[in-house]
Amino acid sequence: MTITDTVSWNSKALDEIGANDGGRPALFTNARITTMDPLTGTVTGADILFVGS
């Protein structure tokens, strides 16, 4: 049996991270990144460190 959990990104989460006054970064693990760049393509299993502005 295989169980796959999918968490989708939403704009509310981005707003909360961007408004983080403490400057704490957010780490997303095992992410899937879809780009429009033909050289990069789609990356799966990526780790993303989002720091904000």
Protein backbone atom coordinates (compact mmCIF):
# COMPACT_ATOMS: atom_id res chain seq x y z
CA MET A 1 0.00 0.00 0.00
CA THR A 2 1.34 3.42 -0.95
CA ILE A 3 0.17 6.59 0.74
CA THR A 4 1.03 9.94 -0.82
CA ASP A 5 0.29 13.22 0.93
CA THR A 6 0.10 16.26 -1.30
CA VAL A 7 0.28 19.72 0.17
CA SER A 8 -0.51 22.55 -2.18
CA TRP A 9 0.85 26.06 -1.93
CA ASN A 10 -1.50 28.96 -1.37
CA SER A 11 -1.17 32.73 -1.38
CA LYS A 12 -2.13 33.01 2.31
CA ALA A 13 0.94 31.00 3.31
CA LEU A 14 3.16 33.24 1.18
CA ASP A 15 1.66 36.36 2.80
CA GLU A 16 2.30 34.97 6.29
CA ILE A 17 5.92 34.14 5.49
CA GLY A 18 6.49 37.55 3.90
CA ALA A 19 5.00 39.33 6.92
CA ASN A 20 7.28 37.49 9.34
CA ASP A 21 8.86 40.31 11.36
CA GLY A 22 11.17 37.92 13.19
CA GLY A 23 13.04 37.12 9.98
CA ARG A 24 12.70 33.38 10.55
CA PRO A 25 13.20 31.33 7.39
CA ALA A 26 10.78 28.64 6.22
CA LEU A 27 12.15 25.30 5.01
CA PHE A 28 10.15 23.21 2.57
CA THR A 29 11.42 19.67 2.10
CA ASN A 30 10.78 17.15 -0.66
CA ALA A 31 9.18 19.86 -2.80
CA ARG A 32 8.25 19.69 -6.46
CA ILE A 33 9.28 22.77 -8.42
CA THR A 34 7.75 23.33 -11.84
CA THR A 35 9.42 25.95 -14.03
CA MET A 36 8.82 27.26 -17.51
CA ASP A 37 12.57 27.04 -18.20
CA PRO A 38 13.31 24.21 -20.66
CA LEU A 39 16.84 23.79 -19.27
CA THR A 40 15.71 23.48 -15.65
CA GLY A 41 12.41 21.70 -16.20
CA THR A 42 10.66 20.16 -13.20
CA VAL A 43 12.65 19.34 -10.09
CA THR A 44 11.29 16.82 -7.59
CA GLY A 45 12.55 16.02 -4.11
CA ALA A 46 14.01 19.51 -3.69
CA ASP A 47 14.62 21.38 -0.45
CA ILE A 48 13.75 25.08 -0.53
CA LEU A 49 14.82 27.63 2.08
CA PHE A 50 12.53 30.66 1.80
CA VAL A 51 13.80 33.69 3.69
CA GLY A 52 11.42 36.40 2.49
CA SER A 53 12.31 39.98 1.65
